[in-house]
Amino acid sequence: MKSITYIEQALAELDKEVEATLLNIKLSLKEKDNVMLPMLLQKKVLKQTLEDLTYLKEHPPTPDQPCGISKYRED
């Protein structure tokens, strides 16, 4: 699935952005928090999407049945 590759690339880019923000000594801790919160929320969503797509790739749904993601998720 190409979408898995794209999500993995997006996660890698986000990791670089988070690391760059953490290493930026010009920003105060509050400024870093404000900058990083949206990035970390985006990372959480991308990780969950990656887990869901990986699950669907490994356990494809049969025709005329729901995909079963709700059973797989813990939260």
PDB file of N, CA and C in Angstrom:
ATOM      1  N   MET A   1       0.843  -1.183   0.000  1.00  0.00           N
ATOM      2  CA  MET A   1       0.000   0.000   0.000  1.00  0.00           C
ATOM      3  C   MET A   1       0.886   1.243   0.000  1.00  0.00           C
ATOM      4  N   LYS A   2       0.672   2.084  -0.968  1.00  0.00           N
ATOM      5  CA  LYS A   2       1.457   3.305  -1.053  1.00  0.00           C
ATOM      6  C   LYS A   2       1.157   4.249   0.107  1.00  0.00           C
ATOM      7  N   SER A   3      -0.077   4.221   0.601  1.00  0.00           N
ATOM      8  CA  SER A   3      -0.442   5.133   1.680  1.00  0.00           C
ATOM      9  C   SER A   3       0.382   4.866   2.936  1.00  0.00           C
ATOM     10  N   ILE A   4       0.743   3.621   3.184  1.00  0.00           N
ATOM     11  CA  ILE A   4       1.584   3.297   4.342  1.00  0.00           C
ATOM     12  C   ILE A   4       2.948   3.963   4.186  1.00  0.00           C
ATOM     13  N   THR A   5       3.493   3.920   2.987  1.00  0.00           N
ATOM     14  CA  THR A   5       4.788   4.550   2.728  1.00  0.00           C
ATOM     15  C   THR A   5       4.712   6.052   2.952  1.00  0.00           C
ATOM     16  N   TYR A   6       3.642   6.674   2.469  1.00  0.00           N
ATOM     17  CA  TYR A   6       3.484   8.116   2.636  1.00  0.00           C
ATOM     18  C   TYR A   6       3.356   8.493   4.113  1.00  0.00           C
ATOM     19  N   ILE A   7       2.628   7.703   4.857  1.00  0.00           N
ATOM     20  CA  ILE A   7       2.458   7.994   6.280  1.00  0.00           C
ATOM     21  C   ILE A   7       3.783   7.821   7.017  1.00  0.00           C
ATOM     22  N   GLU A   8       4.530   6.794   6.678  1.00  0.00           N
ATOM     23  CA  GLU A   8       5.848   6.600   7.296  1.00  0.00           C
ATOM     24  C   GLU A   8       6.774   7.777   6.987  1.00  0.00           C
ATOM     25  N   GLN A   9       6.708   8.292   5.776  1.00  0.00           N
ATOM     26  CA  GLN A   9       7.521   9.456   5.411  1.00  0.00           C
ATOM     27  C   GLN A   9       7.078  10.690   6.189  1.00  0.00           C
ATOM     28  N   ALA A  10       5.772  10.866   6.330  1.00  0.00           N
ATOM     29  CA  ALA A  10       5.254  12.009   7.083  1.00  0.00           C
ATOM     30  C   ALA A  10       5.675  11.923   8.548  1.00  0.00           C
ATOM     31  N   LEU A  11       5.654  10.731   9.113  1.00  0.00           N
ATOM     32  CA  LEU A  11       6.094  10.558  10.498  1.00  0.00           C
ATOM     33  C   LEU A  11       7.581  10.882  10.646  1.00  0.00           C
ATOM     34  N   ALA A  12       8.380  10.472   9.695  1.00  0.00           N
ATOM     35  CA  ALA A  12       9.814  10.780   9.738  1.00  0.00           C
ATOM     36  C   ALA A  12      10.051  12.286   9.663  1.00  0.00           C
ATOM     37  N   GLU A  13       9.293  12.967   8.802  1.00  0.00           N
ATOM     38  CA  GLU A  13       9.420  14.424   8.687  1.00  0.00           C
ATOM     39  C   GLU A  13       8.984  15.114   9.981  1.00  0.00           C
ATOM     40  N   LEU A  14       7.916  14.632  10.578  1.00  0.00           N
ATOM     41  CA  LEU A  14       7.469  15.207  11.845  1.00  0.00           C
ATOM     42  C   LEU A  14       8.510  15.013  12.939  1.00  0.00           C
ATOM     43  N   ASP A  15       9.125  13.848  12.975  1.00  0.00           N
ATOM     44  CA  ASP A  15      10.185  13.608  13.956  1.00  0.00           C
ATOM     45  C   ASP A  15      11.315  14.621  13.795  1.00  0.00           C
ATOM     46  N   LYS A  16      11.676  14.924  12.550  1.00  0.00           N
ATOM     47  CA  LYS A  16      12.727  15.915  12.286  1.00  0.00           C
ATOM     48  C   LYS A  16      12.304  17.304  12.763  1.00  0.00           C
ATOM     49  N   GLU A  17      11.028  17.654  12.514  1.00  0.00           N
ATOM     50  CA  GLU A  17      10.529  18.959  12.950  1.00  0.00           C
ATOM     51  C   GLU A  17      10.517  19.069  14.469  1.00  0.00           C
ATOM     52  N   VAL A  18      10.081  18.013  15.138  1.00  0.00           N
ATOM     53  CA  VAL A  18      10.052  18.011  16.599  1.00  0.00           C
ATOM     54  C   VAL A  18      11.466  18.145  17.148  1.00  0.00           C
ATOM     55  N   GLU A  19      12.392  17.393  16.582  1.00  0.00           N
ATOM     56  CA  GLU A  19      13.781  17.451  17.033  1.00  0.00           C
ATOM     57  C   GLU A  19      14.366  18.843  16.812  1.00  0.00           C
ATOM     58  N   ALA A  20      14.095  19.437  15.668  1.00  0.00           N
ATOM     59  CA  ALA A  20      14.592  20.787  15.378  1.00  0.00           C
ATOM     60  C   ALA A  20      14.014  21.801  16.359  1.00  0.00           C
ATOM     61  N   THR A  21      12.740  21.638  16.700  1.00  0.00           N
ATOM     62  CA  THR A  21      12.111  22.541  17.656  1.00  0.00           C
ATOM     63  C   THR A  21      12.738  22.383  19.035  1.00  0.00           C
ATOM     64  N   LEU A  22      12.964  21.151  19.446  1.00  0.00           N
ATOM     65  CA  LEU A  22      13.578  20.903  20.754  1.00  0.00           C
ATOM     66  C   LEU A  22      14.986  21.481  20.839  1.00  0.00           C
ATOM     67  N   LEU A  23      15.724  21.413  19.756  1.00  0.00           N
ATOM     68  CA  LEU A  23      17.100  21.884  19.750  1.00  0.00           C
ATOM     69  C   LEU A  23      17.235  23.389  19.521  1.00  0.00           C
ATOM     70  N   ASN A  24      16.142  24.057  19.210  1.00  0.00           N
ATOM     71  CA  ASN A  24      16.169  25.491  18.951  1.00  0.00           C
ATOM     72  C   ASN A  24      16.292  26.229  20.284  1.00  0.00           C
ATOM     73  N   ILE A  25      17.470  26.757  20.551  1.00  0.00           N
ATOM     74  CA  ILE A  25      17.712  27.417  21.837  1.00  0.00           C
ATOM     75  C   ILE A  25      17.121  28.832  21.885  1.00  0.00           C
ATOM     76  N   LYS A  26      16.673  29.337  20.754  1.00  0.00           N
ATOM     77  CA  LYS A  26      16.082  30.672  20.712  1.00  0.00           C
ATOM     78  C   LYS A  26      14.656  30.681  21.266  1.00  0.00           C
ATOM     79  N   LEU A  27      14.010  29.515  21.317  1.00  0.00           N
ATOM     80  CA  LEU A  27      12.631  29.432  21.793  1.00  0.00           C
ATOM     81  C   LEU A  27      12.592  29.122  23.282  1.00  0.00           C
ATOM     82  N   SER A  28      11.671  29.767  23.975  1.00  0.00           N
ATOM     83  CA  SER A  28      11.460  29.438  25.381  1.00  0.00           C
ATOM     84  C   SER A  28      10.698  28.119  25.469  1.00  0.00           C
ATOM     85  N   LEU A  29      10.623  27.561  26.674  1.00  0.00           N
ATOM     86  CA  LEU A  29       9.896  26.299  26.841  1.00  0.00           C
ATOM     87  C   LEU A  29       8.422  26.450  26.478  1.00  0.00           C
ATOM     88  N   LYS A  30       7.829  27.576  26.830  1.00  0.00           N
ATOM     89  CA  LYS A  30       6.415  27.798  26.503  1.00  0.00           C
ATOM     90  C   LYS A  30       6.222  27.877  24.987  1.00  0.00           C
ATOM     91  N   GLU A  31       7.123  28.564  24.318  1.00  0.00           N
ATOM     92  CA  GLU A  31       7.034  28.667  22.860  1.00  0.00           C
ATOM     93  C   GLU A  31       7.203  27.292  22.209  1.00  0.00           C
ATOM     94  N   LYS A  32       8.118  26.501  22.746  1.00  0.00           N
ATOM     95  CA  LYS A  32       8.314  25.145  22.220  1.00  0.00           C
ATOM     96  C   LYS A  32       7.047  24.312  22.402  1.00  0.00           C
ATOM     97  N   ASP A  33       6.419  24.442  23.576  1.00  0.00           N
ATOM     98  CA  ASP A  33       5.168  23.723  23.817  1.00  0.00           C
ATOM     99  C   ASP A  33       4.109  24.124  22.801  1.00  0.00           C
ATOM    100  N   ASN A  34       3.979  25.418  22.565  1.00  0.00           N
ATOM    101  CA  ASN A  34       2.961  25.907  21.629  1.00  0.00           C
ATOM    102  C   ASN A  34       3.223  25.449  20.198  1.00  0.00           C
ATOM    103  N   VAL A  35       4.482  25.359  19.818  1.00  0.00           N
ATOM    104  CA  VAL A  35       4.839  24.933  18.467  1.00  0.00           C
ATOM    105  C   VAL A  35       4.677  23.417  18.322  1.00  0.00           C
ATOM    106  N   MET A  36       5.050  22.695  19.366  1.00  0.00           N
ATOM    107  CA  MET A  36       5.085  21.243  19.269  1.00  0.00           C
ATOM    108  C   MET A  36       3.728  20.569  19.459  1.00  0.00           C
ATOM    109  N   LEU A  37       2.807  21.194  20.177  1.00  0.00           N
ATOM    110  CA  LEU A  37       1.511  20.558  20.431  1.00  0.00           C
ATOM    111  C   LEU A  37       0.803  20.138  19.146  1.00  0.00           C
ATOM    112  N   PRO A  38       0.654  21.013  18.151  1.00  0.00           N
ATOM    113  CA  PRO A  38       0.000  20.572  16.908  1.00  0.00           C
ATOM    114  C   PRO A  38       0.771  19.452  16.203  1.00  0.00           C
ATOM    115  N   MET A  39       2.090  19.514  16.257  1.00  0.00           N
ATOM    116  CA  MET A  39       2.895  18.467  15.623  1.00  0.00           C
ATOM    117  C   MET A  39       2.688  17.125  16.315  1.00  0.00           C
ATOM    118  N   LEU A  40       2.650  17.132  17.629  1.00  0.00           N
ATOM    119  CA  LEU A  40       2.475  15.882  18.370  1.00  0.00           C
ATOM    120  C   LEU A  40       1.069  15.315  18.192  1.00  0.00           C
ATOM    121  N   LEU A  41       0.079  16.187  18.081  1.00  0.00           N
ATOM    122  CA  LEU A  41      -1.281  15.713  17.804  1.00  0.00           C
ATOM    123  C   LEU A  41      -1.354  15.094  16.411  1.00  0.00           C
ATOM    124  N   GLN A  42      -0.717  15.741  15.464  1.00  0.00           N
ATOM    125  CA  GLN A  42      -0.677  15.204  14.098  1.00  0.00           C
ATOM    126  C   GLN A  42       0.041  13.860  14.085  1.00  0.00           C
ATOM    127  N   LYS A  43       1.122  13.754  14.848  1.00  0.00           N
ATOM    128  CA  LYS A  43       1.873  12.499  14.912  1.00  0.00           C
ATOM    129  C   LYS A  43       1.018  11.381  15.498  1.00  0.00           C
ATOM    130  N   LYS A  44       0.228  11.709  16.505  1.00  0.00           N
ATOM    131  CA  LYS A  44      -0.651  10.704  17.118  1.00  0.00           C
ATOM    132  C   LYS A  44      -1.659  10.170  16.098  1.00  0.00           C
ATOM    133  N   VAL A  45      -2.245  11.079  15.334  1.00  0.00           N
ATOM    134  CA  VAL A  45      -3.226  10.679  14.323  1.00  0.00           C
ATOM    135  C   VAL A  45      -2.562   9.843  13.227  1.00  0.00           C
ATOM    136  N   LEU A  46      -1.379  10.252  12.798  1.00  0.00           N
ATOM    137  CA  LEU A  46      -0.675   9.498  11.758  1.00  0.00           C
ATOM    138  C   LEU A  46      -0.282   8.109  12.245  1.00  0.00           C
ATOM    139  N   LYS A  47       0.150   8.001  13.500  1.00  0.00           N
ATOM    140  CA  LYS A  47       0.503   6.685  14.041  1.00  0.00           C
ATOM    141  C   LYS A  47      -0.707   5.766  14.084  1.00  0.00           C
ATOM    142  N   GLN A  48      -1.858   6.296  14.515  1.00  0.00           N
ATOM    143  CA  GLN A  48      -3.069   5.481  14.576  1.00  0.00           C
ATOM    144  C   GLN A  48      -3.503   5.062  13.181  1.00  0.00           C
ATOM    145  N   THR A  49      -3.401   5.967  12.227  1.00  0.00           N
ATOM    146  CA  THR A  49      -3.744   5.648  10.843  1.00  0.00           C
ATOM    147  C   THR A  49      -2.812   4.571  10.296  1.00  0.00           C
ATOM    148  N   LEU A  50      -1.522   4.683  10.605  1.00  0.00           N
ATOM    149  CA  LEU A  50      -0.563   3.681  10.161  1.00  0.00           C
ATOM    150  C   LEU A  50      -0.888   2.318  10.768  1.00  0.00           C
ATOM    151  N   GLU A  51      -1.223   2.291  12.055  1.00  0.00           N
ATOM    152  CA  GLU A  51      -1.595   1.030  12.694  1.00  0.00           C
ATOM    153  C   GLU A  51      -2.840   0.435  12.037  1.00  0.00           C
ATOM    154  N   ASP A  52      -3.832   1.282  11.770  1.00  0.00           N
ATOM    155  CA  ASP A  52      -5.069   0.804  11.151  1.00  0.00           C
ATOM    156  C   ASP A  52      -4.813   0.238   9.754  1.00  0.00           C
ATOM    157  N   LEU A  53      -4.034   0.965   8.953  1.00  0.00           N
ATOM    158  CA  LEU A  53      -3.751   0.499   7.596  1.00  0.00           C
ATOM    159  C   LEU A  53      -2.919  -0.784   7.602  1.00  0.00           C
ATOM    160  N   THR A  54      -1.983  -0.869   8.527  1.00  0.00           N
ATOM    161  CA  THR A  54      -1.183  -2.090   8.641  1.00  0.00           C
ATOM    162  C   THR A  54      -2.065  -3.264   9.022  1.00  0.00           C
ATOM    163  N   TYR A  55      -2.991  -3.032   9.952  1.00  0.00           N
ATOM    164  CA  TYR A  55      -3.919  -4.089  10.350  1.00  0.00           C
ATOM    165  C   TYR A  55      -4.761  -4.539   9.157  1.00  0.00           C
ATOM    166  N   LEU A  56      -5.283  -3.577   8.410  1.00  0.00           N
ATOM    167  CA  LEU A  56      -6.111  -3.918   7.246  1.00  0.00           C
ATOM    168  C   LEU A  56      -5.310  -4.639   6.164  1.00  0.00           C
ATOM    169  N   LYS A  57      -4.041  -4.264   6.028  1.00  0.00           N
ATOM    170  CA  LYS A  57      -3.197  -4.942   5.040  1.00  0.00           C
ATOM    171  C   LYS A  57      -2.964  -6.394   5.451  1.00  0.00           C
ATOM    172  N   GLU A  58      -2.747  -6.618   6.740  1.00  0.00           N
ATOM    173  CA  GLU A  58      -2.483  -7.971   7.232  1.00  0.00           C
ATOM    174  C   GLU A  58      -3.755  -8.799   7.403  1.00  0.00           C
ATOM    175  N   HIS A  59      -4.885  -8.129   7.614  1.00  0.00           N
ATOM    176  CA  HIS A  59      -6.167  -8.815   7.821  1.00  0.00           C
ATOM    177  C   HIS A  59      -7.232  -8.186   6.924  1.00  0.00           C
ATOM    178  N   PRO A  60      -7.152  -8.409   5.626  1.00  0.00           N
ATOM    179  CA  PRO A  60      -8.121  -7.779   4.728  1.00  0.00           C
ATOM    180  C   PRO A  60      -9.543  -8.270   5.019  1.00  0.00           C
ATOM    181  N   PRO A  61     -10.497  -7.353   4.990  1.00  0.00           N
ATOM    182  CA  PRO A  61     -11.880  -7.761   5.250  1.00  0.00           C
ATOM    183  C   PRO A  61     -12.430  -8.592   4.096  1.00  0.00           C
ATOM    184  N   THR A  62     -13.295  -9.511   4.440  1.00  0.00           N
ATOM    185  CA  THR A  62     -13.959 -10.294   3.406  1.00  0.00           C
ATOM    186  C   THR A  62     -15.092  -9.455   2.817  1.00  0.00           C
ATOM    187  N   PRO A  63     -15.524  -9.778   1.610  1.00  0.00           N
ATOM    188  CA  PRO A  63     -16.617  -9.001   1.009  1.00  0.00           C
ATOM    189  C   PRO A  63     -17.875  -9.028   1.877  1.00  0.00           C
ATOM    190  N   ASP A  64     -18.579  -7.928   1.906  1.00  0.00           N
ATOM    191  CA  ASP A  64     -19.844  -7.766   2.626  1.00  0.00           C
ATOM    192  C   ASP A  64     -19.696  -7.883   4.141  1.00  0.00           C
ATOM    193  N   GLN A  65     -18.507  -7.620   4.671  1.00  0.00           N
ATOM    194  CA  GLN A  65     -18.315  -7.625   6.115  1.00  0.00           C
ATOM    195  C   GLN A  65     -17.553  -6.364   6.516  1.00  0.00           C
ATOM    196  N   PRO A  66     -17.801  -5.851   7.732  1.00  0.00           N
ATOM    197  CA  PRO A  66     -17.055  -4.677   8.185  1.00  0.00           C
ATOM    198  C   PRO A  66     -15.569  -5.015   8.349  1.00  0.00           C
ATOM    199  N   CYS A  67     -14.747  -3.996   8.356  1.00  0.00           N
ATOM    200  CA  CYS A  67     -13.301  -4.216   8.383  1.00  0.00           C
ATOM    201  C   CYS A  67     -12.805  -4.729   9.731  1.00  0.00           C
ATOM    202  N   GLY A  68     -13.497  -4.469  10.812  1.00  0.00           N
ATOM    203  CA  GLY A  68     -13.103  -4.992  12.113  1.00  0.00           C
ATOM    204  C   GLY A  68     -12.115  -4.133  12.868  1.00  0.00           C
ATOM    205  N   ILE A  69     -11.862  -2.921  12.416  1.00  0.00           N
ATOM    206  CA  ILE A  69     -10.911  -2.040  13.097  1.00  0.00           C
ATOM    207  C   ILE A  69     -11.366  -1.733  14.523  1.00  0.00           C
ATOM    208  N   SER A  70     -12.656  -1.582  14.726  1.00  0.00           N
ATOM    209  CA  SER A  70     -13.134  -1.230  16.067  1.00  0.00           C
ATOM    210  C   SER A  70     -12.800  -2.323  17.086  1.00  0.00           C
ATOM    211  N   LYS A  71     -12.728  -3.558  16.670  1.00  0.00           N
ATOM    212  CA  LYS A  71     -12.351  -4.654  17.577  1.00  0.00           C
ATOM    213  C   LYS A  71     -10.849  -4.610  17.874  1.00  0.00           C
ATOM    214  N   TYR A  72     -10.086  -4.165  16.901  1.00  0.00           N
ATOM    215  CA  TYR A  72      -8.627  -4.145  17.006  1.00  0.00           C
ATOM    216  C   TYR A  72      -8.141  -3.029  17.941  1.00  0.00           C
ATOM    217  N   ARG A  73      -8.755  -1.854  17.859  1.00  0.00           N
ATOM    218  CA  ARG A  73      -8.302  -0.700  18.628  1.00  0.00           C
ATOM    219  C   ARG A  73      -8.526  -0.893  20.117  1.00  0.00           C
ATOM    220  N   GLU A  74      -7.567  -0.411  20.877  1.00  0.00           N
ATOM    221  CA  GLU A  74      -7.668  -0.509  22.326  1.00  0.00           C
ATOM    222  C   GLU A  74      -8.377   0.688  22.938  1.00  0.00           C
ATOM    223  N   ASP A  75      -8.334   1.846  22.276  1.00  0.00           N
ATOM    224  CA  ASP A  75      -8.939   3.052  22.857  1.00  0.00           C
ATOM    225  C   ASP A  75     -10.278   3.368  22.281  1.00  0.00           C
TER     226      ASP A  75
END
